[in-house]
PDB file of N, CA and C in Angstrom:
ATOM      1  N   MET A   1      93.601  88.067  87.748  1.00  0.00           N
ATOM      2  CA  MET A   1      94.477  87.404  88.690  1.00  0.00           C
ATOM      3  C   MET A   1      93.972  85.973  88.882  1.00  0.00           C
ATOM      4  N   THR A   2      94.886  85.047  88.801  1.00  0.00           N
ATOM      5  CA  THR A   2      94.519  83.648  88.981  1.00  0.00           C
ATOM      6  C   THR A   2      94.423  83.329  90.468  1.00  0.00           C
ATOM      7  N   VAL A   3      93.838  82.186  90.773  1.00  0.00           N
ATOM      8  CA  VAL A   3      93.731  81.743  92.165  1.00  0.00           C
ATOM      9  C   VAL A   3      95.119  81.570  92.762  1.00  0.00           C
ATOM     10  N   SER A   4      96.038  81.031  91.994  1.00  0.00           N
ATOM     11  CA  SER A   4      97.403  80.842  92.472  1.00  0.00           C
ATOM     12  C   SER A   4      98.073  82.179  92.785  1.00  0.00           C
ATOM     13  N   GLU A   5      97.870  83.171  91.925  1.00  0.00           N
ATOM     14  CA  GLU A   5      98.446  84.490  92.155  1.00  0.00           C
ATOM     15  C   GLU A   5      97.839  85.136  93.398  1.00  0.00           C
ATOM     16  N   ALA A   6      96.535  84.986  93.567  1.00  0.00           N
ATOM     17  CA  ALA A   6      95.855  85.545  94.739  1.00  0.00           C
ATOM     18  C   ALA A   6      96.366  84.891  96.011  1.00  0.00           C
ATOM     19  N   SER A   7      96.549  83.583  95.987  1.00  0.00           N
ATOM     20  CA  SER A   7      97.058  82.867  97.154  1.00  0.00           C
ATOM     21  C   SER A   7      98.480  83.313  97.475  1.00  0.00           C
ATOM     22  N   SER A   8      99.292  83.482  96.454  1.00  0.00           N
ATOM     23  CA  SER A   8     100.667  83.926  96.641  1.00  0.00           C
ATOM     24  C   SER A   8     100.701  85.335  97.218  1.00  0.00           C
ATOM     25  N   GLN A   9      99.841  86.212  96.731  1.00  0.00           N
ATOM     26  CA  GLN A   9      99.777  87.583  97.240  1.00  0.00           C
ATOM     27  C   GLN A   9      99.331  87.581  98.703  1.00  0.00           C
ATOM     28  N   HIS A  10      98.352  86.733  99.049  1.00  0.00           N
ATOM     29  CA  HIS A  10      97.887  86.637 100.435  1.00  0.00           C
ATOM     30  C   HIS A  10      99.022  86.180 101.338  1.00  0.00           C
ATOM     31  N   GLN A  11      99.773  85.165 100.916  1.00  0.00           N
ATOM     32  CA  GLN A  11     100.883  84.662 101.722  1.00  0.00           C
ATOM     33  C   GLN A  11     101.953  85.722 101.911  1.00  0.00           C
ATOM     34  N   SER A  12     102.225  86.491 100.872  1.00  0.00           N
ATOM     35  CA  SER A  12     103.202  87.564 100.956  1.00  0.00           C
ATOM     36  C   SER A  12     102.731  88.624 101.951  1.00  0.00           C
ATOM     37  N   SER A  13     101.455  88.951 101.894  1.00  0.00           N
ATOM     38  CA  SER A  13     100.879  89.935 102.804  1.00  0.00           C
ATOM     39  C   SER A  13     100.953  89.441 104.249  1.00  0.00           C
ATOM     40  N   VAL A  14     100.589  88.202 104.482  1.00  0.00           N
ATOM     41  CA  VAL A  14     100.650  87.629 105.832  1.00  0.00           C
ATOM     42  C   VAL A  14     102.096  87.595 106.313  1.00  0.00           C
ATOM     43  N   HIS A  15     103.016  87.218 105.432  1.00  0.00           N
ATOM     44  CA  HIS A  15     104.432  87.171 105.803  1.00  0.00           C
ATOM     45  C   HIS A  15     104.908  88.560 106.247  1.00  0.00           C
ATOM     46  N   HIS A  16     104.483  89.601 105.556  1.00  0.00           N
ATOM     47  CA  HIS A  16     104.863  90.959 105.907  1.00  0.00           C
ATOM     48  C   HIS A  16     104.282  91.338 107.281  1.00  0.00           C
ATOM     49  N   LEU A  17     103.027  90.981 107.529  1.00  0.00           N
ATOM     50  CA  LEU A  17     102.404  91.280 108.825  1.00  0.00           C
ATOM     51  C   LEU A  17     103.120  90.557 109.964  1.00  0.00           C
ATOM     52  N   VAL A  18     103.489  89.306 109.725  1.00  0.00           N
ATOM     53  CA  VAL A  18     104.226  88.534 110.736  1.00  0.00           C
ATOM     54  C   VAL A  18     105.565  89.208 111.022  1.00  0.00           C
ATOM     55  N   LYS A  19     106.250  89.622 109.970  1.00  0.00           N
ATOM     56  CA  LYS A  19     107.540  90.294 110.139  1.00  0.00           C
ATOM     57  C   LYS A  19     107.368  91.562 110.975  1.00  0.00           C
ATOM     58  N   LEU A  20     106.355  92.358 110.664  1.00  0.00           N
ATOM     59  CA  LEU A  20     106.094  93.576 111.425  1.00  0.00           C
ATOM     60  C   LEU A  20     105.753  93.261 112.882  1.00  0.00           C
ATOM     61  N   ALA A  21     104.891  92.280 113.102  1.00  0.00           N
ATOM     62  CA  ALA A  21     104.500  91.912 114.465  1.00  0.00           C
ATOM     63  C   ALA A  21     105.711  91.451 115.273  1.00  0.00           C
ATOM     64  N   ASN A  22     106.584  90.664 114.657  1.00  0.00           N
ATOM     65  CA  ASN A  22     107.798  90.216 115.338  1.00  0.00           C
ATOM     66  C   ASN A  22     108.685  91.404 115.708  1.00  0.00           C
ATOM     67  N   GLN A  23     108.818  92.367 114.784  1.00  0.00           N
ATOM     68  CA  GLN A  23     109.641  93.547 115.050  1.00  0.00           C
ATOM     69  C   GLN A  23     109.045  94.399 116.170  1.00  0.00           C
ATOM     70  N   ILE A  24     107.740  94.591 116.136  1.00  0.00           N
ATOM     71  CA  ILE A  24     107.071  95.385 117.171  1.00  0.00           C
ATOM     72  C   ILE A  24     107.224  94.711 118.526  1.00  0.00           C
ATOM     73  N   ALA A  25     106.990  93.410 118.569  1.00  0.00           N
ATOM     74  CA  ALA A  25     107.098  92.677 119.836  1.00  0.00           C
ATOM     75  C   ALA A  25     108.519  92.747 120.396  1.00  0.00           C
ATOM     76  N   ALA A  26     109.503  92.829 119.524  1.00  0.00           N
ATOM     77  CA  ALA A  26     110.897  92.865 119.976  1.00  0.00           C
ATOM     78  C   ALA A  26     111.357  94.262 120.381  1.00  0.00           C
ATOM     79  N   SER A  27     110.653  95.289 119.928  1.00  0.00           N
ATOM     80  CA  SER A  27     111.210  96.626 120.114  1.00  0.00           C
ATOM     81  C   SER A  27     110.408  97.584 120.994  1.00  0.00           C
ATOM     82  N   ILE A  28     109.187  97.243 121.355  1.00  0.00           N
ATOM     83  CA  ILE A  28     108.383  98.148 122.173  1.00  0.00           C
ATOM     84  C   ILE A  28     108.900  98.115 123.611  1.00  0.00           C
ATOM     85  N   PRO A  29     109.252  99.270 124.168  1.00  0.00           N
ATOM     86  CA  PRO A  29     109.776  99.298 125.538  1.00  0.00           C
ATOM     87  C   PRO A  29     108.662  99.179 126.584  1.00  0.00           C
ATOM     88  N   ALA A  30     109.010  98.615 127.723  1.00  0.00           N
ATOM     89  CA  ALA A  30     108.065  98.496 128.838  1.00  0.00           C
ATOM     90  C   ALA A  30     108.844  98.145 130.100  1.00  0.00           C
ATOM     91  N   PRO A  31     108.277  98.485 131.254  1.00  0.00           N
ATOM     92  CA  PRO A  31     108.974  98.221 132.522  1.00  0.00           C
ATOM     93  C   PRO A  31     108.945  96.760 132.965  1.00  0.00           C
ATOM     94  N   ASN A  32     108.007  95.965 132.416  1.00  0.00           N
ATOM     95  CA  ASN A  32     107.925  94.549 132.800  1.00  0.00           C
ATOM     96  C   ASN A  32     107.298  93.753 131.661  1.00  0.00           C
ATOM     97  N   PRO A  33     107.394  92.416 131.704  1.00  0.00           N
ATOM     98  CA  PRO A  33     106.892  91.593 130.588  1.00  0.00           C
ATOM     99  C   PRO A  33     105.400  91.780 130.286  1.00  0.00           C
ATOM    100  N   GLU A  34     104.586  91.924 131.321  1.00  0.00           N
ATOM    101  CA  GLU A  34     103.147  92.090 131.089  1.00  0.00           C
ATOM    102  C   GLU A  34     102.860  93.408 130.369  1.00  0.00           C
ATOM    103  N   ALA A  35     103.511  94.460 130.816  1.00  0.00           N
ATOM    104  CA  ALA A  35     103.329  95.765 130.172  1.00  0.00           C
ATOM    105  C   ALA A  35     103.886  95.743 128.754  1.00  0.00           C
ATOM    106  N   HIS A  36     104.951  94.987 128.556  1.00  0.00           N
ATOM    107  CA  HIS A  36     105.550  94.869 127.226  1.00  0.00           C
ATOM    108  C   HIS A  36     104.526  94.314 126.229  1.00  0.00           C
ATOM    109  N   ILE A  37     103.846  93.247 126.603  1.00  0.00           N
ATOM    110  CA  ILE A  37     102.848  92.630 125.727  1.00  0.00           C
ATOM    111  C   ILE A  37     101.700  93.604 125.481  1.00  0.00           C
ATOM    112  N   GLU A  38     101.208  94.241 126.521  1.00  0.00           N
ATOM    113  CA  GLU A  38     100.095  95.180 126.364  1.00  0.00           C
ATOM    114  C   GLU A  38     100.493  96.401 125.546  1.00  0.00           C
ATOM    115  N   ASN A  39     101.698  96.916 125.758  1.00  0.00           N
ATOM    116  CA  ASN A  39     102.158  98.072 124.982  1.00  0.00           C
ATOM    117  C   ASN A  39     102.287  97.733 123.499  1.00  0.00           C
ATOM    118  N   ALA A  40     102.799  96.560 123.207  1.00  0.00           N
ATOM    119  CA  ALA A  40     102.930  96.144 121.809  1.00  0.00           C
ATOM    120  C   ALA A  40     101.547  95.943 121.176  1.00  0.00           C
ATOM    121  N   ALA A  41     100.626  95.334 121.916  1.00  0.00           N
ATOM    122  CA  ALA A  41      99.261  95.147 121.407  1.00  0.00           C
ATOM    123  C   ALA A  41      98.592  96.502 121.182  1.00  0.00           C
ATOM    124  N   ALA A  42      98.792  97.439 122.099  1.00  0.00           N
ATOM    125  CA  ALA A  42      98.208  98.774 121.957  1.00  0.00           C
ATOM    126  C   ALA A  42      98.773  99.479 120.727  1.00  0.00           C
ATOM    127  N   HIS A  43     100.056  99.299 120.475  1.00  0.00           N
ATOM    128  CA  HIS A  43     100.681  99.896 119.296  1.00  0.00           C
ATOM    129  C   HIS A  43     100.028  99.350 118.019  1.00  0.00           C
ATOM    130  N   ILE A  44      99.846  98.044 117.971  1.00  0.00           N
ATOM    131  CA  ILE A  44      99.223  97.434 116.780  1.00  0.00           C
ATOM    132  C   ILE A  44      97.788  97.920 116.641  1.00  0.00           C
ATOM    133  N   ARG A  45      97.027  97.922 117.713  1.00  0.00           N
ATOM    134  CA  ARG A  45      95.636  98.407 117.634  1.00  0.00           C
ATOM    135  C   ARG A  45      95.572  99.851 117.161  1.00  0.00           C
ATOM    136  N   ARG A  46      96.534 100.668 117.566  1.00  0.00           N
ATOM    137  CA  ARG A  46      96.544 102.087 117.228  1.00  0.00           C
ATOM    138  C   ARG A  46      96.897 102.336 115.759  1.00  0.00           C
ATOM    139  N   PHE A  47      97.814 101.556 115.208  1.00  0.00           N
ATOM    140  CA  PHE A  47      98.350 101.872 113.882  1.00  0.00           C
ATOM    141  C   PHE A  47      97.949 100.919 112.756  1.00  0.00           C
ATOM    142  N   TRP A  48      97.438  99.748 113.084  1.00  0.00           N
ATOM    143  CA  TRP A  48      97.052  98.793 112.045  1.00  0.00           C
ATOM    144  C   TRP A  48      95.554  98.892 111.779  1.00  0.00           C
ATOM    145  N   THR A  49      95.167  98.562 110.555  1.00  0.00           N
ATOM    146  CA  THR A  49      93.753  98.530 110.217  1.00  0.00           C
ATOM    147  C   THR A  49      93.119  97.272 110.812  1.00  0.00           C
ATOM    148  N   PRO A  50      91.805  97.288 111.011  1.00  0.00           N
ATOM    149  CA  PRO A  50      91.133  96.070 111.487  1.00  0.00           C
ATOM    150  C   PRO A  50      91.377  94.871 110.570  1.00  0.00           C
ATOM    151  N   ALA A  51      91.462  95.106 109.271  1.00  0.00           N
ATOM    152  CA  ALA A  51      91.702  93.997 108.333  1.00  0.00           C
ATOM    153  C   ALA A  51      93.084  93.377 108.541  1.00  0.00           C
ATOM    154  N   MET A  52      94.081  94.208 108.804  1.00  0.00           N
ATOM    155  CA  MET A  52      95.434  93.694 109.058  1.00  0.00           C
ATOM    156  C   MET A  52      95.453  92.858 110.329  1.00  0.00           C
ATOM    157  N   ILE A  53      94.814  93.354 111.371  1.00  0.00           N
ATOM    158  CA  ILE A  53      94.757  92.622 112.640  1.00  0.00           C
ATOM    159  C   ILE A  53      94.024  91.303 112.460  1.00  0.00           C
ATOM    160  N   ALA A  54      92.912  91.331 111.751  1.00  0.00           N
ATOM    161  CA  ALA A  54      92.137  90.106 111.518  1.00  0.00           C
ATOM    162  C   ALA A  54      92.953  89.078 110.749  1.00  0.00           C
ATOM    163  N   LYS A  55      93.702  89.533 109.751  1.00  0.00           N
ATOM    164  CA  LYS A  55      94.520  88.613 108.951  1.00  0.00           C
ATOM    165  C   LYS A  55      95.610  87.984 109.812  1.00  0.00           C
ATOM    166  N   LEU A  56      96.244  88.781 110.677  1.00  0.00           N
ATOM    167  CA  LEU A  56      97.290  88.252 111.550  1.00  0.00           C
ATOM    168  C   LEU A  56      96.705  87.278 112.571  1.00  0.00           C
ATOM    169  N   LYS A  57      95.556  87.622 113.154  1.00  0.00           N
ATOM    170  CA  LYS A  57      94.922  86.735 114.129  1.00  0.00           C
ATOM    171  C   LYS A  57      94.510  85.413 113.480  1.00  0.00           C
ATOM    172  N   GLU A  58      93.976  85.483 112.263  1.00  0.00           N
ATOM    173  CA  GLU A  58      93.597  84.257 111.555  1.00  0.00           C
ATOM    174  C   GLU A  58      94.827  83.390 111.305  1.00  0.00           C
ATOM    175  N   HIS A  59      95.909  84.014 110.906  1.00  0.00           N
ATOM    176  CA  HIS A  59      97.161  83.287 110.671  1.00  0.00           C
ATOM    177  C   HIS A  59      97.636  82.619 111.965  1.00  0.00           C
ATOM    178  N   ALA A  60      97.569  83.347 113.070  1.00  0.00           N
ATOM    179  CA  ALA A  60      98.011  82.811 114.362  1.00  0.00           C
ATOM    180  C   ALA A  60      97.154  81.630 114.803  1.00  0.00           C
ATOM    181  N   GLN A  61      95.860  81.670 114.502  1.00  0.00           N
ATOM    182  CA  GLN A  61      94.955  80.584 114.890  1.00  0.00           C
ATOM    183  C   GLN A  61      95.253  79.299 114.129  1.00  0.00           C
ATOM    184  N   HIS A  62      95.946  79.405 113.015  1.00  0.00           N
ATOM    185  CA  HIS A  62      96.273  78.233 112.217  1.00  0.00           C
ATOM    186  C   HIS A  62      97.712  77.772 112.445  1.00  0.00           C
ATOM    187  N   GLY A  63      98.234  78.037 113.644  1.00  0.00           N
ATOM    188  CA  GLY A  63      99.551  77.530 114.011  1.00  0.00           C
ATOM    189  C   GLY A  63     100.688  78.288 113.357  1.00  0.00           C
ATOM    190  N   ALA A  64     100.748  79.577 113.567  1.00  0.00           N
ATOM    191  CA  ALA A  64     101.762  80.426 112.947  1.00  0.00           C
ATOM    192  C   ALA A  64     103.102  80.250 113.637  1.00  0.00           C
ATOM    193  N   GLY A  65     103.872  79.269 113.211  1.00  0.00           N
ATOM    194  CA  GLY A  65     105.182  79.017 113.788  1.00  0.00           C
ATOM    195  C   GLY A  65     106.193  80.098 113.455  1.00  0.00           C
ATOM    196  N   ASP A  66     105.836  80.997 112.530  1.00  0.00           N
ATOM    197  CA  ASP A  66     106.754  82.058 112.151  1.00  0.00           C
ATOM    198  C   ASP A  66     106.653  83.286 113.062  1.00  0.00           C
ATOM    199  N   LEU A  67     105.668  83.300 113.964  1.00  0.00           N
ATOM    200  CA  LEU A  67     105.587  84.364 114.966  1.00  0.00           C
ATOM    201  C   LEU A  67     106.535  84.044 116.112  1.00  0.00           C
ATOM    202  N   SER A  68     107.253  85.054 116.578  1.00  0.00           N
ATOM    203  CA  SER A  68     108.104  84.838 117.749  1.00  0.00           C
ATOM    204  C   SER A  68     107.197  84.550 118.955  1.00  0.00           C
ATOM    205  N   PRO A  69     107.727  83.941 119.994  1.00  0.00           N
ATOM    206  CA  PRO A  69     106.891  83.696 121.184  1.00  0.00           C
ATOM    207  C   PRO A  69     106.278  84.985 121.744  1.00  0.00           C
ATOM    208  N   GLU A  70     107.061  86.057 121.732  1.00  0.00           N
ATOM    209  CA  GLU A  70     106.547  87.336 122.221  1.00  0.00           C
ATOM    210  C   GLU A  70     105.431  87.860 121.317  1.00  0.00           C
ATOM    211  N   ALA A  71     105.631  87.771 120.007  1.00  0.00           N
ATOM    212  CA  ALA A  71     104.611  88.241 119.063  1.00  0.00           C
ATOM    213  C   ALA A  71     103.348  87.410 119.177  1.00  0.00           C
ATOM    214  N   ALA A  72     103.473  86.118 119.428  1.00  0.00           N
ATOM    215  CA  ALA A  72     102.290  85.271 119.598  1.00  0.00           C
ATOM    216  C   ALA A  72     101.486  85.721 120.809  1.00  0.00           C
ATOM    217  N   LYS A  73     102.170  86.134 121.878  1.00  0.00           N
ATOM    218  CA  LYS A  73     101.473  86.648 123.064  1.00  0.00           C
ATOM    219  C   LYS A  73     100.797  87.974 122.757  1.00  0.00           C
ATOM    220  N   VAL A  74     101.439  88.802 121.952  1.00  0.00           N
ATOM    221  CA  VAL A  74     100.855  90.076 121.548  1.00  0.00           C
ATOM    222  C   VAL A  74      99.581  89.839 120.737  1.00  0.00           C
ATOM    223  N   VAL A  75      99.654  88.920 119.788  1.00  0.00           N
ATOM    224  CA  VAL A  75      98.483  88.608 118.951  1.00  0.00           C
ATOM    225  C   VAL A  75      97.346  88.081 119.834  1.00  0.00           C
ATOM    226  N   ALA A  76      97.663  87.251 120.800  1.00  0.00           N
ATOM    227  CA  ALA A  76      96.632  86.729 121.706  1.00  0.00           C
ATOM    228  C   ALA A  76      95.991  87.847 122.524  1.00  0.00           C
ATOM    229  N   ALA A  77      96.739  88.929 122.774  1.00  0.00           N
ATOM    230  CA  ALA A  77      96.212  90.051 123.559  1.00  0.00           C
ATOM    231  C   ALA A  77      95.372  91.017 122.716  1.00  0.00           C
ATOM    232  N   LEU A  78      95.372  90.841 121.407  1.00  0.00           N
ATOM    233  CA  LEU A  78      94.598  91.745 120.543  1.00  0.00           C
ATOM    234  C   LEU A  78      93.114  91.463 120.642  1.00  0.00           C
TER     235      LEU A  78
END
């Protein structure tokens, strides 16, 4: 695998994680906004591997404009 292929695969993987995080942030039910963020973060902690969470957090730290505002709050709560 070339460096370019590895970079492309990493971007594809991050894009998939962002898509999932956006979907989770939009769909997890809760009685109020604070609980909504915590419930979504708990869902990610429960079902995602530490490597997936680390990759998403690293992406968010570098200005992930592709995360919804709600998903960005969820990532910050991880």
